[in-house]
Structure formats: structure tokens, C-alpha cells
Amino acid sequence: MTSQGRKQTRKGESVHRRDVLRALGVGAGAAVATASTLVEPAAAQAVSNDEKRKARYQPNAAEVQNFYRVNRYPTKK
């Protein structure tokens, strides 16, 4: 490497770092553009109103009771 950021090639031509980075950036941009056209959009499942409104939190469930038991603050003695 020379002090100006160039690398000498076999035929005497110099390659600048910016040229290499620019080529890598263009290649990466093309890869992203190609990949984005291959991805299908996500489809949401249909959910009924009853399913949306059903109760999910059950305070007397074993998991909930265990959570509060384990995470309880210690009492002062």
C-alpha cells in the first residue's frame, strides 16, 4: 500500500479504496433489491370477534401464582 491509499496492480494501474468500497456497495445494493422482490408479503389469519375478546389472563392459574410467589419482595422482620 502506498501512503495515498492506492494499491499497485500488476500492470501498473492503481486501485483506490473508494473504488473498491463503491463496487462492494453497488453489489450489496443489487443483492438486496433482488432479494426484496423474491419475498412474499405476510398474510394475517382471519380471527373472529369472539377470539379477539376472550379472556386470556387468569389470575388463579398455576403459572401466574408461581410468578408472583417467586417474584415477591421479602418481608421485613
N, C-alpha and C. Protein backbone atom coordinates (compact mmCIF):
# COMPACT_ATOMS: atom_id res chain seq x y z
N MET A 1 0.84 -1.18 0.00
CA MET A 1 0.00 0.00 0.00
C MET A 1 0.88 1.24 0.00
N THR A 2 0.50 2.19 -0.75
CA THR A 2 1.23 3.46 -0.73
C THR A 2 0.59 4.36 0.30
N SER A 3 1.19 5.47 0.54
CA SER A 3 0.71 6.37 1.59
C SER A 3 -0.58 7.08 1.20
N GLN A 4 -0.98 7.00 -0.07
CA GLN A 4 -2.19 7.71 -0.51
C GLN A 4 -3.39 6.78 -0.63
N GLY A 5 -3.31 5.56 -0.11
CA GLY A 5 -4.46 4.66 -0.14
C GLY A 5 -4.64 3.95 -1.46
N ARG A 6 -3.59 3.79 -2.23
CA ARG A 6 -3.67 3.09 -3.51
C ARG A 6 -2.88 1.81 -3.42
N LYS A 7 -3.30 0.84 -4.19
CA LYS A 7 -2.56 -0.41 -4.27
C LYS A 7 -2.16 -0.62 -5.72
N GLN A 8 -0.92 -0.89 -5.94
CA GLN A 8 -0.42 -1.09 -7.30
C GLN A 8 -0.82 -2.48 -7.78
N THR A 9 -1.35 -2.56 -8.98
CA THR A 9 -1.69 -3.84 -9.58
C THR A 9 -0.54 -4.30 -10.46
N ARG A 10 -0.71 -5.42 -11.09
CA ARG A 10 0.37 -5.99 -11.91
C ARG A 10 0.73 -5.11 -13.09
N LYS A 11 -0.23 -4.48 -13.70
CA LYS A 11 0.03 -3.71 -14.91
C LYS A 11 0.35 -2.25 -14.63
N GLY A 12 0.55 -1.91 -13.38
CA GLY A 12 0.90 -0.53 -13.06
C GLY A 12 -0.30 0.35 -12.77
N GLU A 13 -1.50 -0.16 -12.90
CA GLU A 13 -2.69 0.63 -12.59
C GLU A 13 -2.85 0.66 -11.07
N SER A 14 -3.42 1.72 -10.59
CA SER A 14 -3.65 1.79 -9.15
C SER A 14 -5.15 1.66 -8.87
N VAL A 15 -5.47 1.00 -7.78
CA VAL A 15 -6.85 0.80 -7.36
C VAL A 15 -7.04 1.60 -6.08
N HIS A 16 -8.01 2.47 -6.08
CA HIS A 16 -8.30 3.29 -4.91
C HIS A 16 -9.25 2.54 -3.98
N ARG A 17 -9.12 2.81 -2.70
CA ARG A 17 -10.00 2.17 -1.73
C ARG A 17 -11.46 2.55 -1.98
N ARG A 18 -11.68 3.79 -2.33
CA ARG A 18 -13.06 4.22 -2.58
C ARG A 18 -13.68 3.46 -3.74
N ASP A 19 -12.90 3.16 -4.76
CA ASP A 19 -13.44 2.41 -5.89
C ASP A 19 -13.85 1.00 -5.47
N VAL A 20 -13.03 0.39 -4.63
CA VAL A 20 -13.35 -0.95 -4.15
C VAL A 20 -14.59 -0.91 -3.29
N LEU A 21 -14.67 0.04 -2.37
CA LEU A 21 -15.83 0.15 -1.49
C LEU A 21 -17.09 0.50 -2.28
N ARG A 22 -16.96 1.32 -3.29
CA ARG A 22 -18.10 1.68 -4.12
C ARG A 22 -18.62 0.45 -4.86
N ALA A 23 -17.71 -0.37 -5.38
CA ALA A 23 -18.12 -1.58 -6.08
C ALA A 23 -18.81 -2.55 -5.13
N LEU A 24 -18.29 -2.68 -3.91
CA LEU A 24 -18.93 -3.55 -2.93
C LEU A 24 -20.31 -3.03 -2.55
N GLY A 25 -20.44 -1.73 -2.41
CA GLY A 25 -21.73 -1.15 -2.07
C GLY A 25 -22.77 -1.34 -3.15
N VAL A 26 -22.37 -1.18 -4.39
CA VAL A 26 -23.29 -1.38 -5.51
C VAL A 26 -23.71 -2.83 -5.59
N GLY A 27 -22.78 -3.74 -5.37
CA GLY A 27 -23.11 -5.17 -5.39
C GLY A 27 -24.06 -5.54 -4.27
N ALA A 28 -23.84 -5.00 -3.08
CA ALA A 28 -24.72 -5.29 -1.95
C ALA A 28 -26.10 -4.70 -2.19
N GLY A 29 -26.17 -3.51 -2.76
CA GLY A 29 -27.46 -2.89 -3.06
C GLY A 29 -28.24 -3.71 -4.08
N ALA A 30 -27.55 -4.23 -5.08
CA ALA A 30 -28.22 -5.06 -6.08
C ALA A 30 -28.71 -6.35 -5.46
N ALA A 31 -27.96 -6.93 -4.55
CA ALA A 31 -28.38 -8.17 -3.89
C ALA A 31 -29.61 -7.94 -3.04
N VAL A 32 -29.66 -6.81 -2.34
CA VAL A 32 -30.83 -6.50 -1.50
C VAL A 32 -32.06 -6.26 -2.38
N ALA A 33 -31.87 -5.56 -3.48
CA ALA A 33 -33.01 -5.28 -4.37
C ALA A 33 -33.55 -6.57 -4.96
N THR A 34 -32.68 -7.48 -5.31
CA THR A 34 -33.11 -8.76 -5.87
C THR A 34 -33.82 -9.60 -4.81
N ALA A 35 -33.28 -9.63 -3.60
CA ALA A 35 -33.86 -10.43 -2.54
C ALA A 35 -35.22 -9.89 -2.12
N SER A 36 -35.40 -8.57 -2.14
CA SER A 36 -36.67 -8.00 -1.70
C SER A 36 -37.79 -8.29 -2.69
N THR A 37 -37.48 -8.52 -3.94
CA THR A 37 -38.53 -8.84 -4.90
C THR A 37 -38.96 -10.30 -4.79
N LEU A 38 -38.16 -11.16 -4.16
CA LEU A 38 -38.49 -12.56 -4.03
C LEU A 38 -39.32 -12.88 -2.80
N VAL A 39 -39.39 -11.97 -1.84
CA VAL A 39 -40.10 -12.21 -0.59
C VAL A 39 -41.59 -11.93 -0.79
N GLU A 40 -42.40 -12.88 -0.31
CA GLU A 40 -43.85 -12.70 -0.41
C GLU A 40 -44.35 -11.92 0.80
N PRO A 41 -45.38 -11.10 0.63
CA PRO A 41 -45.91 -10.36 1.78
C PRO A 41 -46.58 -11.31 2.78
N ALA A 42 -46.53 -10.96 4.05
CA ALA A 42 -47.13 -11.79 5.09
C ALA A 42 -48.65 -11.67 5.05
N ALA A 43 -49.31 -12.78 5.23
CA ALA A 43 -50.77 -12.81 5.24
C ALA A 43 -51.24 -13.10 6.66
N ALA A 44 -52.13 -12.28 7.17
CA ALA A 44 -52.66 -12.48 8.52
C ALA A 44 -53.83 -13.45 8.48
N GLN A 45 -53.94 -14.25 9.54
CA GLN A 45 -55.06 -15.18 9.62
C GLN A 45 -56.31 -14.44 10.08
N ALA A 46 -57.45 -14.88 9.59
CA ALA A 46 -58.71 -14.27 10.00
C ALA A 46 -59.04 -14.71 11.41
N VAL A 47 -59.43 -13.77 12.26
CA VAL A 47 -59.76 -14.06 13.65
C VAL A 47 -61.16 -13.53 13.92
N SER A 48 -61.97 -14.36 14.57
CA SER A 48 -63.34 -13.95 14.86
C SER A 48 -63.35 -12.96 16.02
N ASN A 49 -64.47 -12.25 16.16
CA ASN A 49 -64.61 -11.27 17.24
C ASN A 49 -64.60 -11.95 18.60
N ASP A 50 -65.15 -13.16 18.69
CA ASP A 50 -65.15 -13.89 19.95
C ASP A 50 -63.71 -14.21 20.37
N GLU A 51 -62.89 -14.59 19.41
CA GLU A 51 -61.49 -14.91 19.71
C GLU A 51 -60.74 -13.66 20.16
N LYS A 52 -61.07 -12.51 19.59
CA LYS A 52 -60.41 -11.26 19.98
C LYS A 52 -60.76 -10.86 21.40
N ARG A 53 -61.99 -11.16 21.83
CA ARG A 53 -62.49 -10.67 23.10
C ARG A 53 -62.40 -11.67 24.25
N LYS A 54 -61.89 -12.86 24.00
CA LYS A 54 -61.87 -13.85 25.07
C LYS A 54 -60.87 -13.47 26.15
N ALA A 55 -61.16 -13.91 27.36
CA ALA A 55 -60.29 -13.61 28.50
C ALA A 55 -59.03 -14.45 28.40
N ARG A 56 -57.90 -13.82 28.54
CA ARG A 56 -56.64 -14.55 28.46
C ARG A 56 -55.91 -14.59 29.80
N TYR A 57 -56.07 -13.56 30.58
CA TYR A 57 -55.40 -13.51 31.87
C TYR A 57 -56.23 -14.24 32.90
N GLN A 58 -55.63 -15.23 33.52
CA GLN A 58 -56.32 -15.99 34.54
C GLN A 58 -55.50 -15.91 35.82
N PRO A 59 -55.93 -15.04 36.74
CA PRO A 59 -55.11 -14.78 37.93
C PRO A 59 -54.94 -15.99 38.85
N ASN A 60 -55.82 -16.97 38.75
CA ASN A 60 -55.71 -18.13 39.63
C ASN A 60 -54.98 -19.30 38.96
N ALA A 61 -54.42 -19.07 37.80
CA ALA A 61 -53.68 -20.12 37.11
C ALA A 61 -52.39 -20.41 37.87
N ALA A 62 -51.91 -21.63 37.77
CA ALA A 62 -50.71 -22.04 38.49
C ALA A 62 -49.49 -21.23 38.05
N GLU A 63 -49.39 -20.93 36.78
CA GLU A 63 -48.23 -20.16 36.29
C GLU A 63 -48.21 -18.75 36.88
N VAL A 64 -49.38 -18.12 36.97
CA VAL A 64 -49.46 -16.76 37.50
C VAL A 64 -49.15 -16.76 38.99
N GLN A 65 -49.71 -17.71 39.71
CA GLN A 65 -49.45 -17.79 41.15
C GLN A 65 -47.96 -18.05 41.42
N ASN A 66 -47.34 -18.90 40.62
CA ASN A 66 -45.93 -19.19 40.78
C ASN A 66 -45.09 -17.95 40.49
N PHE A 67 -45.45 -17.19 39.47
CA PHE A 67 -44.72 -15.96 39.14
C PHE A 67 -44.72 -15.00 40.31
N TYR A 68 -45.89 -14.75 40.88
CA TYR A 68 -45.97 -13.81 41.99
C TYR A 68 -45.32 -14.36 43.26
N ARG A 69 -45.34 -15.67 43.44
CA ARG A 69 -44.68 -16.26 44.60
C ARG A 69 -43.17 -16.09 44.49
N VAL A 70 -42.62 -16.34 43.32
CA VAL A 70 -41.18 -16.26 43.12
C VAL A 70 -40.69 -14.82 43.13
N ASN A 71 -41.45 -13.90 42.61
CA ASN A 71 -41.01 -12.51 42.49
C ASN A 71 -41.51 -11.61 43.62
N ARG A 72 -41.97 -12.19 44.68
CA ARG A 72 -42.47 -11.41 45.81
C ARG A 72 -41.29 -10.78 46.55
N TYR A 73 -41.50 -9.56 47.01
CA TYR A 73 -40.46 -8.91 47.80
C TYR A 73 -40.36 -9.56 49.17
N PRO A 74 -39.17 -9.69 49.70
CA PRO A 74 -39.04 -10.28 51.02
C PRO A 74 -39.68 -9.37 52.08
N THR A 75 -40.28 -9.96 53.07
CA THR A 75 -40.92 -9.16 54.12
C THR A 75 -39.87 -8.70 55.11
N LYS A 76 -40.09 -7.54 55.68
CA LYS A 76 -39.18 -7.01 56.71
C LYS A 76 -39.50 -7.68 58.03
N LYS A 77 -38.46 -8.05 58.75
CA LYS A 77 -38.68 -8.70 60.05
C LYS A 77 -38.31 -7.80 61.17
